[in-house]
């Protein structure tokens, strides 16, 4: 009877070990799948970030080139004005922007500045 009881406990022990190994392997495979999915998501997010910053960099460089073109136009044709006190004012603004309002209509009352001598 002792041999039968010892055999039964050995069978239960091996059954528990087998179940633990199966559960452990399932958890390990699940962990690997989650880790691979997280890595792919991070790579996808990094790729989107690179694409977005590339677009922004490209837009910035186009704006910079446009501004450089305009700046060369300014540099070629600066307008100088001398005030009554003898101060010289150099106006480098583009002629299109020269007459535009500085403030929006929603900013309150807008009064045109008139210089009086």
N, C-alpha and C. Protein backbone atom coordinates (compact mmCIF):
# COMPACT_ATOMS: atom_id res chain seq x y z
N UNK A 1 0.81 -1.18 0.00
CA UNK A 1 0.00 0.00 0.00
C UNK A 1 0.86 1.26 0.00
N UNK A 2 1.99 1.19 0.65
CA UNK A 2 2.90 2.32 0.70
C UNK A 2 3.46 2.59 -0.69
N UNK A 3 3.76 1.50 -1.43
CA UNK A 3 4.26 1.68 -2.80
C UNK A 3 3.18 2.29 -3.69
N UNK A 4 1.96 1.92 -3.51
CA UNK A 4 0.85 2.46 -4.29
C UNK A 4 0.65 3.95 -4.01
N UNK A 5 0.72 4.34 -2.72
CA UNK A 5 0.57 5.74 -2.32
C UNK A 5 1.74 6.57 -2.84
N UNK A 6 2.95 6.03 -2.77
CA UNK A 6 4.12 6.74 -3.27
C UNK A 6 4.04 6.89 -4.79
N UNK A 7 3.58 5.90 -5.49
CA UNK A 7 3.40 5.98 -6.94
C UNK A 7 2.35 7.02 -7.32
N UNK A 8 1.29 7.09 -6.54
CA UNK A 8 0.22 8.08 -6.80
C UNK A 8 0.76 9.50 -6.63
N UNK A 9 1.54 9.76 -5.56
CA UNK A 9 2.11 11.09 -5.33
C UNK A 9 3.12 11.45 -6.43
N UNK A 10 3.87 10.46 -6.89
CA UNK A 10 4.82 10.70 -7.97
C UNK A 10 4.07 11.06 -9.26
N UNK A 11 2.99 10.36 -9.53
CA UNK A 11 2.16 10.67 -10.70
C UNK A 11 1.60 12.09 -10.61
N UNK A 12 1.08 12.48 -9.46
CA UNK A 12 0.53 13.83 -9.26
C UNK A 12 1.65 14.86 -9.41
N UNK A 13 2.82 14.58 -8.87
CA UNK A 13 3.96 15.51 -8.97
C UNK A 13 4.34 15.74 -10.44
N UNK A 14 4.49 14.68 -11.21
CA UNK A 14 4.84 14.81 -12.62
C UNK A 14 3.73 15.49 -13.41
N UNK A 15 2.48 15.24 -13.07
CA UNK A 15 1.35 15.91 -13.72
C UNK A 15 1.38 17.40 -13.45
N UNK A 16 1.67 17.80 -12.21
CA UNK A 16 1.76 19.23 -11.86
C UNK A 16 2.93 19.87 -12.60
N UNK A 17 4.07 19.19 -12.66
CA UNK A 17 5.24 19.72 -13.37
C UNK A 17 4.91 19.89 -14.85
N UNK A 18 4.24 18.92 -15.45
CA UNK A 18 3.86 19.01 -16.86
C UNK A 18 2.93 20.20 -17.09
N UNK A 19 1.96 20.38 -16.24
CA UNK A 19 1.04 21.52 -16.37
C UNK A 19 1.78 22.83 -16.23
N UNK A 20 2.70 22.92 -15.27
CA UNK A 20 3.50 24.15 -15.09
C UNK A 20 4.35 24.44 -16.32
N UNK A 21 4.95 23.42 -16.91
CA UNK A 21 5.75 23.62 -18.12
C UNK A 21 4.90 24.10 -19.29
N UNK A 22 3.71 23.53 -19.45
CA UNK A 22 2.81 23.96 -20.53
C UNK A 22 2.36 25.40 -20.32
N UNK A 23 1.98 25.74 -19.11
CA UNK A 23 1.54 27.12 -18.81
C UNK A 23 2.71 28.08 -18.99
N UNK A 24 3.90 27.68 -18.52
CA UNK A 24 5.09 28.53 -18.67
C UNK A 24 5.43 28.78 -20.13
N UNK A 25 5.37 27.74 -20.97
CA UNK A 25 5.68 27.93 -22.38
C UNK A 25 4.64 28.82 -23.05
N UNK A 26 3.37 28.67 -22.67
CA UNK A 26 2.31 29.52 -23.23
C UNK A 26 2.56 30.98 -22.84
N UNK A 27 2.89 31.22 -21.57
CA UNK A 27 3.16 32.59 -21.12
C UNK A 27 4.39 33.17 -21.82
N UNK A 28 5.41 32.35 -22.01
CA UNK A 28 6.62 32.81 -22.68
C UNK A 28 6.33 33.18 -24.13
N UNK A 29 5.57 32.36 -24.85
CA UNK A 29 5.20 32.68 -26.24
C UNK A 29 4.36 33.95 -26.30
N UNK A 30 3.44 34.10 -25.38
CA UNK A 30 2.60 35.31 -25.34
C UNK A 30 3.46 36.54 -25.07
N UNK A 31 4.40 36.41 -24.14
CA UNK A 31 5.31 37.52 -23.83
C UNK A 31 6.12 37.91 -25.07
N UNK A 32 6.63 36.92 -25.82
CA UNK A 32 7.41 37.21 -27.03
C UNK A 32 6.55 37.91 -28.08
N UNK A 33 5.28 37.45 -28.24
CA UNK A 33 4.39 38.08 -29.21
C UNK A 33 4.12 39.54 -28.84
N UNK A 34 3.87 39.78 -27.56
CA UNK A 34 3.61 41.15 -27.09
C UNK A 34 4.85 42.01 -27.30
N UNK A 35 6.01 41.46 -27.02
CA UNK A 35 7.25 42.21 -27.18
C UNK A 35 7.51 42.55 -28.64
N UNK A 36 7.28 41.61 -29.55
CA UNK A 36 7.46 41.86 -30.99
C UNK A 36 6.45 42.91 -31.47
N UNK A 37 5.20 42.80 -31.01
CA UNK A 37 4.19 43.77 -31.41
C UNK A 37 4.54 45.16 -30.90
N UNK A 38 5.05 45.26 -29.68
CA UNK A 38 5.45 46.56 -29.13
C UNK A 38 6.63 47.13 -29.91
N UNK A 39 7.56 46.27 -30.29
CA UNK A 39 8.71 46.73 -31.06
C UNK A 39 8.27 47.23 -32.44
N UNK A 40 7.37 46.52 -33.08
CA UNK A 40 6.86 46.97 -34.39
C UNK A 40 6.11 48.29 -34.27
N UNK A 41 5.31 48.42 -33.20
CA UNK A 41 4.58 49.67 -32.99
C UNK A 41 5.55 50.83 -32.76
N UNK A 42 6.62 50.58 -32.01
CA UNK A 42 7.62 51.63 -31.78
C UNK A 42 8.33 52.00 -33.08
N UNK A 43 8.64 51.00 -33.90
CA UNK A 43 9.27 51.29 -35.19
C UNK A 43 8.34 52.07 -36.10
N UNK A 44 7.05 51.70 -36.10
CA UNK A 44 6.07 52.41 -36.90
C UNK A 44 5.95 53.87 -36.44
N UNK A 45 5.92 54.05 -35.12
CA UNK A 45 5.82 55.40 -34.59
C UNK A 45 7.07 56.22 -34.92
N UNK A 46 8.24 55.59 -34.83
CA UNK A 46 9.48 56.28 -35.18
C UNK A 46 9.49 56.66 -36.66
N UNK A 47 8.99 55.77 -37.50
CA UNK A 47 8.92 56.05 -38.94
C UNK A 47 7.98 57.23 -39.22
N UNK A 48 6.83 57.23 -38.55
CA UNK A 48 5.90 58.35 -38.72
C UNK A 48 6.53 59.65 -38.25
N UNK A 49 7.26 59.59 -37.15
CA UNK A 49 7.93 60.78 -36.64
C UNK A 49 8.96 61.29 -37.63
N UNK A 50 9.75 60.36 -38.19
CA UNK A 50 10.76 60.76 -39.19
C UNK A 50 10.10 61.37 -40.42
N UNK A 51 8.99 60.78 -40.86
CA UNK A 51 8.29 61.32 -42.03
C UNK A 51 7.74 62.71 -41.73
N UNK A 52 7.15 62.88 -40.55
CA UNK A 52 6.57 64.18 -40.19
C UNK A 52 7.64 65.25 -40.04
N UNK A 53 8.74 64.91 -39.36
CA UNK A 53 9.80 65.91 -39.22
C UNK A 53 10.45 66.19 -40.57
N UNK A 54 10.49 65.18 -41.44
CA UNK A 54 11.02 65.41 -42.79
C UNK A 54 10.15 66.39 -43.56
N UNK A 55 8.82 66.22 -43.42
CA UNK A 55 7.90 67.16 -44.08
C UNK A 55 8.08 68.56 -43.51
N UNK A 56 8.18 68.64 -42.18
CA UNK A 56 8.35 69.95 -41.56
C UNK A 56 9.67 70.58 -41.99
N UNK A 57 10.73 69.77 -42.03
CA UNK A 57 12.02 70.28 -42.44
C UNK A 57 11.96 70.78 -43.88
N UNK A 58 11.25 70.01 -44.72
CA UNK A 58 11.12 70.40 -46.13
C UNK A 58 10.32 71.70 -46.25
N UNK A 59 9.23 71.82 -45.48
CA UNK A 59 8.44 73.05 -45.51
C UNK A 59 9.26 74.22 -45.00
N UNK A 60 10.03 73.97 -43.93
CA UNK A 60 10.84 75.04 -43.36
C UNK A 60 11.90 75.49 -44.36
N UNK A 61 12.52 74.51 -45.03
CA UNK A 61 13.56 74.88 -45.98
C UNK A 61 12.96 75.65 -47.15
N UNK A 62 11.74 75.28 -47.57
CA UNK A 62 11.10 76.02 -48.66
C UNK A 62 10.78 77.44 -48.21
N UNK A 63 10.28 77.56 -46.96
CA UNK A 63 10.01 78.91 -46.44
C UNK A 63 11.30 79.70 -46.33
N UNK A 64 12.35 79.03 -45.86
CA UNK A 64 13.64 79.70 -45.70
C UNK A 64 14.16 80.17 -47.06
N UNK A 65 14.01 79.33 -48.09
CA UNK A 65 14.44 79.73 -49.43
C UNK A 65 13.62 80.90 -49.92
N UNK A 66 12.30 80.87 -49.65
CA UNK A 66 11.43 81.97 -50.06
C UNK A 66 11.83 83.25 -49.33
N UNK A 67 12.09 83.12 -48.02
CA UNK A 67 12.51 84.29 -47.24
C UNK A 67 13.86 84.80 -47.72
N UNK A 68 14.76 83.89 -48.05
CA UNK A 68 16.06 84.32 -48.55
C UNK A 68 15.91 85.06 -49.86
N UNK A 69 15.00 84.60 -50.71
CA UNK A 69 14.74 85.28 -51.97
C UNK A 69 14.19 86.67 -51.71
N UNK A 70 13.25 86.73 -50.77
CA UNK A 70 12.67 88.04 -50.44
C UNK A 70 13.72 88.94 -49.79
N UNK A 71 14.56 88.35 -48.93
CA UNK A 71 15.60 89.14 -48.28
C UNK A 71 16.58 89.70 -49.30
N UNK A 72 16.87 88.95 -50.34
CA UNK A 72 17.76 89.49 -51.36
C UNK A 72 17.06 90.62 -52.10
N UNK A 73 15.74 90.51 -52.28
CA UNK A 73 15.00 91.61 -52.89
C UNK A 73 15.08 92.84 -52.01
N UNK A 74 14.97 92.62 -50.68
CA UNK A 74 15.03 93.75 -49.75
C UNK A 74 16.41 94.40 -49.80
N UNK A 75 17.41 93.52 -49.81
CA UNK A 75 18.77 94.05 -49.77
C UNK A 75 19.09 94.86 -51.01
N UNK A 76 18.49 94.50 -52.12
CA UNK A 76 18.76 95.22 -53.35
C UNK A 76 18.07 96.59 -53.38
N UNK A 77 16.91 96.70 -52.71
CA UNK A 77 16.14 97.93 -52.82
C UNK A 77 15.70 98.46 -51.44
N UNK A 78 16.60 98.76 -50.53
CA UNK A 78 16.16 99.34 -49.26
C UNK A 78 15.71 100.79 -49.46
N UNK A 79 14.70 101.18 -48.72
CA UNK A 79 14.20 102.55 -48.80
C UNK A 79 14.66 103.30 -47.56
N UNK A 80 15.24 104.46 -47.77
CA UNK A 80 15.74 105.26 -46.65
C UNK A 80 14.94 106.54 -46.55
N UNK A 81 14.66 106.90 -45.31
CA UNK A 81 13.94 108.14 -45.03
C UNK A 81 14.68 108.86 -43.93
N UNK A 82 14.81 110.16 -44.06
CA UNK A 82 15.46 110.94 -43.02
C UNK A 82 14.40 111.78 -42.32
N UNK A 83 14.37 111.71 -40.98
CA UNK A 83 13.37 112.47 -40.21
C UNK A 83 13.85 113.90 -40.04
N UNK A 84 12.97 114.73 -39.44
CA UNK A 84 13.29 116.14 -39.24
C UNK A 84 14.46 116.30 -38.26
N UNK A 85 14.64 115.34 -37.37
CA UNK A 85 15.74 115.43 -36.40
C UNK A 85 17.05 114.90 -36.96
N UNK A 86 17.03 114.40 -38.18
CA UNK A 86 18.26 113.93 -38.81
C UNK A 86 18.49 112.43 -38.70
N UNK A 87 17.53 111.69 -38.11
CA UNK A 87 17.68 110.24 -38.00
C UNK A 87 17.33 109.59 -39.34
N UNK A 88 18.08 108.56 -39.70
CA UNK A 88 17.84 107.85 -40.94
C UNK A 88 17.10 106.56 -40.63
N UNK A 89 15.98 106.33 -41.33
CA UNK A 89 15.20 105.11 -41.16
C UNK A 89 15.33 104.31 -42.44
N UNK A 90 15.77 103.05 -42.30
CA UNK A 90 15.90 102.16 -43.46
C UNK A 90 14.76 101.17 -43.40
N UNK A 91 13.96 101.13 -44.46
CA UNK A 91 12.79 100.24 -44.52
C UNK A 91 13.10 99.09 -45.46
N UNK A 92 13.20 97.86 -44.88
CA UNK A 92 13.52 96.67 -45.68
C UNK A 92 12.29 95.82 -45.96
N UNK A 93 11.10 96.30 -45.63
CA UNK A 93 9.90 95.49 -45.84
C UNK A 93 9.61 95.33 -47.33
N UNK A 94 8.95 94.23 -47.62
CA UNK A 94 8.52 93.98 -49.00
C UNK A 94 7.42 94.98 -49.32
N UNK A 95 7.36 95.44 -50.54
CA UNK A 95 6.39 96.47 -50.91
C UNK A 95 4.96 96.01 -50.74
N UNK A 96 4.71 94.70 -50.86
CA UNK A 96 3.35 94.19 -50.66
C UNK A 96 2.91 94.36 -49.21
N UNK A 97 3.83 94.23 -48.27
CA UNK A 97 3.49 94.31 -46.84
C UNK A 97 3.53 95.74 -46.33
N UNK A 98 4.04 96.65 -47.10
CA UNK A 98 4.27 98.00 -46.62
C UNK A 98 2.99 98.70 -46.19
N UNK A 99 1.90 98.52 -46.93
CA UNK A 99 0.68 99.24 -46.61
C UNK A 99 -0.32 98.45 -45.78
N UNK A 100 0.02 97.23 -45.37
CA UNK A 100 -0.93 96.39 -44.64
C UNK A 100 -1.02 96.78 -43.18
N UNK A 101 -2.19 96.50 -42.58
CA UNK A 101 -2.39 96.75 -41.17
C UNK A 101 -1.57 95.75 -40.35
N UNK A 102 -1.13 96.20 -39.21
CA UNK A 102 -0.37 95.34 -38.31
C UNK A 102 -1.30 94.50 -37.46
N UNK A 103 -2.43 95.08 -37.05
CA UNK A 103 -3.37 94.42 -36.15
C UNK A 103 -4.59 93.91 -36.91
N UNK A 104 -5.20 92.84 -36.41
CA UNK A 104 -6.45 92.35 -36.97
C UNK A 104 -7.60 93.25 -36.53
N UNK A 105 -8.74 93.15 -37.22
CA UNK A 105 -9.91 93.93 -36.83
C UNK A 105 -10.43 93.50 -35.47
N UNK A 106 -10.18 92.25 -35.09
CA UNK A 106 -10.66 91.75 -33.80
C UNK A 106 -9.81 92.22 -32.63
N UNK A 107 -8.70 92.91 -32.90
CA UNK A 107 -7.82 93.37 -31.83
C UNK A 107 -8.27 94.68 -31.21
N UNK A 108 -9.36 95.22 -31.65
CA UNK A 108 -9.84 96.48 -31.09
C UNK A 108 -9.76 97.58 -32.13
N UNK A 109 -9.75 98.80 -31.65
CA UNK A 109 -9.76 99.95 -32.54
C UNK A 109 -8.41 100.09 -33.24
N UNK A 110 -8.47 100.34 -34.53
CA UNK A 110 -7.26 100.52 -35.32
C UNK A 110 -7.23 101.96 -35.79
N UNK A 111 -6.13 102.61 -35.49
CA UNK A 111 -5.99 104.01 -35.87
C UNK A 111 -4.78 104.12 -36.78
N UNK A 112 -4.97 104.69 -37.96
CA UNK A 112 -3.84 104.88 -38.86
C UNK A 112 -2.93 105.94 -38.27
N UNK A 113 -1.64 105.65 -38.32
CA UNK A 113 -0.64 106.58 -37.79
C UNK A 113 -0.30 107.62 -38.83
N UNK A 114 -0.38 108.85 -38.43
CA UNK A 114 -0.01 109.94 -39.33
C UNK A 114 1.09 110.72 -38.64
N UNK A 115 2.24 110.84 -39.30
CA UNK A 115 3.35 111.57 -38.70
C UNK A 115 3.17 113.05 -38.98
N UNK A 116 3.24 113.82 -37.92
CA UNK A 116 3.11 115.28 -38.07
C UNK A 116 4.47 115.92 -37.88
N UNK A 117 4.79 116.83 -38.75
CA UNK A 117 6.10 117.52 -38.66
C UNK A 117 5.94 118.84 -37.99
